[in-house]
Amino acid sequence: PRGCLKLIYTQLSILPNQARVLTFKKNHAILFLEPGKLSKPKVLMIPIPNKRRFPRFNYSIPVKYQLRNELIPFYTVTRDISVGGLKILTNKFIPPNTDISIEVKLTSERIINAKTKVAWSNRIEHSEQYLSGLKFFEINPDDRQNVSELVSYALKH
């Protein structure tokens, strides 16, 4: 969000001391513009551009995952998926940089296997569950293509 402020100030042609950020949301910022000599105070909602490398598709599908040093796999669901990785729901905190092997059932006919690395893990507010972002680091090119086709199709429809 901090990097977005520069962009917002430039878009509005204002100086940082002329505005106060009230809140950042997922895809916008709400700013309070200080009144100038000729203007009244204003509250603006400014869109923040999506800087993601790969488009994401909100999709809940079954995932089997196994941490590197664990013998027993865990089962969960995705919250979203992209060509670069996926977000999963977990019952425990998984530290960033943890290696995880996953098996994802994209459709009834398509199952992909990949090795991922945890990019981030955050506790869901008022819950004992976590959301973890996994980045693909070893995935079969055909499996990556299957994910790409699924996301492209879903985002068009």
Protein backbone atom coordinates (compact mmCIF):
# COMPACT_ATOMS: atom_id res chain seq x y z
CA PRO A 1 0.00 0.00 0.00
CA ARG A 2 2.82 2.48 0.72
CA GLY A 3 4.05 2.27 -2.89
CA CYS A 4 0.51 2.98 -4.03
CA LEU A 5 0.47 6.28 -2.16
CA LYS A 6 3.07 7.79 -4.49
CA LEU A 7 0.92 6.77 -7.44
CA ILE A 8 -2.21 8.23 -5.83
CA TYR A 9 -0.52 11.54 -4.99
CA THR A 10 0.79 11.76 -8.55
CA GLN A 11 -2.64 10.95 -10.04
CA LEU A 12 -4.30 13.65 -7.94
CA SER A 13 -1.43 16.17 -8.34
CA ILE A 14 -1.24 16.71 -4.58
CA LEU A 15 1.46 16.69 -1.95
CA PRO A 16 1.52 14.07 0.85
CA ASN A 17 0.76 16.74 3.49
CA GLN A 18 -2.47 17.65 1.66
CA ALA A 19 -4.12 14.25 2.17
CA ARG A 20 -4.60 11.72 4.94
CA VAL A 21 -5.25 8.05 4.21
CA LEU A 22 -8.30 6.89 6.12
CA THR A 23 -8.10 3.24 5.10
CA PHE A 24 -6.78 0.80 2.54
CA LYS A 25 -9.08 -1.88 1.22
CA LYS A 26 -8.34 -4.74 -1.16
CA ASN A 27 -8.54 -2.69 -4.34
CA HIS A 28 -8.91 0.93 -3.24
CA ALA A 29 -7.79 3.57 -0.76
CA ILE A 30 -10.01 6.11 0.95
CA LEU A 31 -8.36 9.50 1.41
CA PHE A 32 -9.35 12.67 3.21
CA LEU A 33 -8.16 15.74 1.30
CA GLU A 34 -7.35 18.70 3.52
CA PRO A 35 -9.22 21.84 2.54
CA GLY A 36 -7.23 24.44 0.67
CA LYS A 37 -7.91 28.17 0.53
CA LEU A 38 -10.42 27.74 -2.27
CA SER A 39 -11.74 24.26 -1.64
CA LYS A 40 -13.79 22.28 0.84
CA PRO A 41 -12.61 19.04 2.50
CA LYS A 42 -13.17 15.95 0.34
CA VAL A 43 -13.20 12.23 0.90
CA LEU A 44 -12.13 10.24 -2.16
CA MET A 45 -12.11 6.56 -2.96
CA ILE A 46 -9.13 5.87 -5.23
CA PRO A 47 -8.74 2.54 -7.06
CA ILE A 48 -5.41 0.79 -6.54
CA PRO A 49 -4.15 -1.06 -9.61
CA ASN A 50 -3.71 -4.83 -9.33
CA LYS A 51 0.03 -5.47 -9.41
CA ARG A 52 -0.22 -9.25 -9.38
CA ARG A 53 1.94 -11.05 -11.88
CA PHE A 54 -0.75 -13.65 -12.64
CA PRO A 55 -4.53 -13.22 -12.57
CA ARG A 56 -6.25 -15.15 -9.78
CA PHE A 57 -9.50 -17.05 -9.86
CA ASN A 58 -11.49 -17.46 -6.63
CA TYR A 59 -12.06 -21.20 -6.68
CA SER A 60 -12.67 -23.71 -3.90
CA ILE A 61 -11.34 -27.16 -4.81
CA PRO A 62 -9.90 -30.06 -2.81
CA VAL A 63 -6.18 -30.08 -2.02
CA LYS A 64 -4.04 -32.74 -0.41
CA TYR A 65 -0.83 -31.27 0.97
CA GLN A 66 2.18 -32.63 2.77
CA LEU A 67 4.87 -30.68 4.58
CA ARG A 68 8.42 -31.72 3.76
CA ASN A 69 9.21 -33.53 7.04
CA GLU A 70 5.73 -34.88 7.82
CA LEU A 71 4.55 -38.40 7.03
CA ILE A 72 0.81 -37.74 7.16
CA PRO A 73 -0.83 -35.56 4.50
CA PHE A 74 -3.44 -32.91 5.30
CA TYR A 75 -6.63 -32.16 3.35
CA THR A 76 -8.08 -28.73 2.72
CA VAL A 77 -9.51 -26.49 -0.01
CA THR A 78 -8.19 -23.65 -2.12
CA ARG A 79 -9.49 -20.11 -1.85
CA ASP A 80 -7.99 -19.03 -5.17
CA ILE A 81 -5.61 -20.28 -7.83
CA SER A 82 -3.34 -18.80 -10.50
CA VAL A 83 -0.56 -19.95 -12.80
CA GLY A 84 1.90 -18.81 -10.12
CA GLY A 85 0.34 -20.55 -7.11
CA LEU A 86 -2.70 -20.85 -4.88
CA LYS A 87 -4.18 -19.79 -1.58
CA ILE A 88 -5.26 -22.52 0.84
CA LEU A 89 -7.17 -22.67 4.11
CA THR A 90 -5.29 -24.41 6.97
CA ASN A 91 -5.89 -25.22 10.62
CA LYS A 92 -2.37 -24.28 11.65
CA PHE A 93 0.24 -21.66 10.92
CA ILE A 94 2.74 -22.73 8.25
CA PRO A 95 5.87 -20.56 8.31
CA PRO A 96 6.94 -18.75 5.13
CA ASN A 97 9.52 -20.60 2.99
CA THR A 98 8.17 -24.00 4.09
CA ASP A 99 8.22 -26.53 1.24
CA ILE A 100 4.89 -28.26 0.61
CA SER A 101 3.97 -30.98 -1.90
CA ILE A 102 0.41 -30.59 -3.16
CA GLU A 103 -2.12 -32.56 -5.15
CA VAL A 104 -4.98 -30.46 -6.51
CA LYS A 105 -8.10 -31.84 -8.14
CA LEU A 106 -8.76 -29.16 -10.78
CA THR A 107 -11.68 -31.05 -12.32
CA SER A 108 -12.97 -34.61 -12.09
CA GLU A 109 -10.47 -35.57 -14.85
CA ARG A 110 -7.56 -33.26 -14.02
CA ILE A 111 -5.34 -33.68 -10.99
CA ILE A 112 -2.11 -31.73 -10.72
CA ASN A 113 0.90 -32.39 -8.52
CA ALA A 114 3.39 -29.69 -7.65
CA LYS A 115 5.99 -28.61 -5.17
CA THR A 116 5.27 -25.25 -3.58
CA LYS A 117 6.80 -22.84 -1.11
CA VAL A 118 4.78 -20.87 1.44
CA ALA A 119 4.96 -17.16 0.54
CA TRP A 120 2.87 -15.98 3.51
CA SER A 121 0.49 -17.30 6.15
CA ASN A 122 -2.05 -15.15 8.02
CA ARG A 123 -4.53 -16.02 10.75
CA ILE A 124 -8.13 -15.34 9.80
CA GLU A 125 -9.57 -12.73 12.14
CA HIS A 126 -11.82 -14.19 14.89
CA SER A 127 -10.85 -17.72 13.86
CA GLU A 128 -8.35 -20.45 14.59
CA GLN A 129 -7.76 -20.97 10.85
CA TYR A 130 -5.13 -19.54 8.52
CA LEU A 131 -4.87 -18.57 4.89
CA SER A 132 -1.55 -19.47 3.29
CA GLY A 133 -0.25 -18.34 -0.09
CA LEU A 134 1.70 -21.06 -1.89
CA LYS A 135 4.00 -20.36 -4.82
CA PHE A 136 4.67 -23.10 -7.39
CA PHE A 137 8.39 -23.82 -7.70
CA GLU A 138 8.25 -27.24 -9.33
CA ILE A 139 5.29 -28.04 -11.56
CA ASN A 140 4.98 -30.11 -14.72
CA PRO A 141 4.50 -27.85 -17.79
CA ASP A 142 1.29 -29.75 -18.69
CA ASP A 143 -0.08 -29.17 -15.19
CA ARG A 144 0.82 -25.48 -15.39
CA GLN A 145 -1.00 -25.32 -18.75
CA ASN A 146 -4.06 -26.99 -17.17
CA VAL A 147 -4.10 -24.34 -14.43
CA SER A 148 -3.67 -21.59 -17.02
CA GLU A 149 -6.58 -22.89 -19.12
CA LEU A 150 -8.84 -23.20 -16.07
CA VAL A 151 -8.08 -19.65 -14.87
CA SER A 152 -8.40 -18.15 -18.38
CA TYR A 153 -11.72 -19.90 -18.96
CA ALA A 154 -13.07 -18.91 -15.54
CA LEU A 155 -12.11 -15.26 -15.86
CA LYS A 156 -13.83 -15.00 -19.27
CA HIS A 157 -17.11 -16.51 -18.05
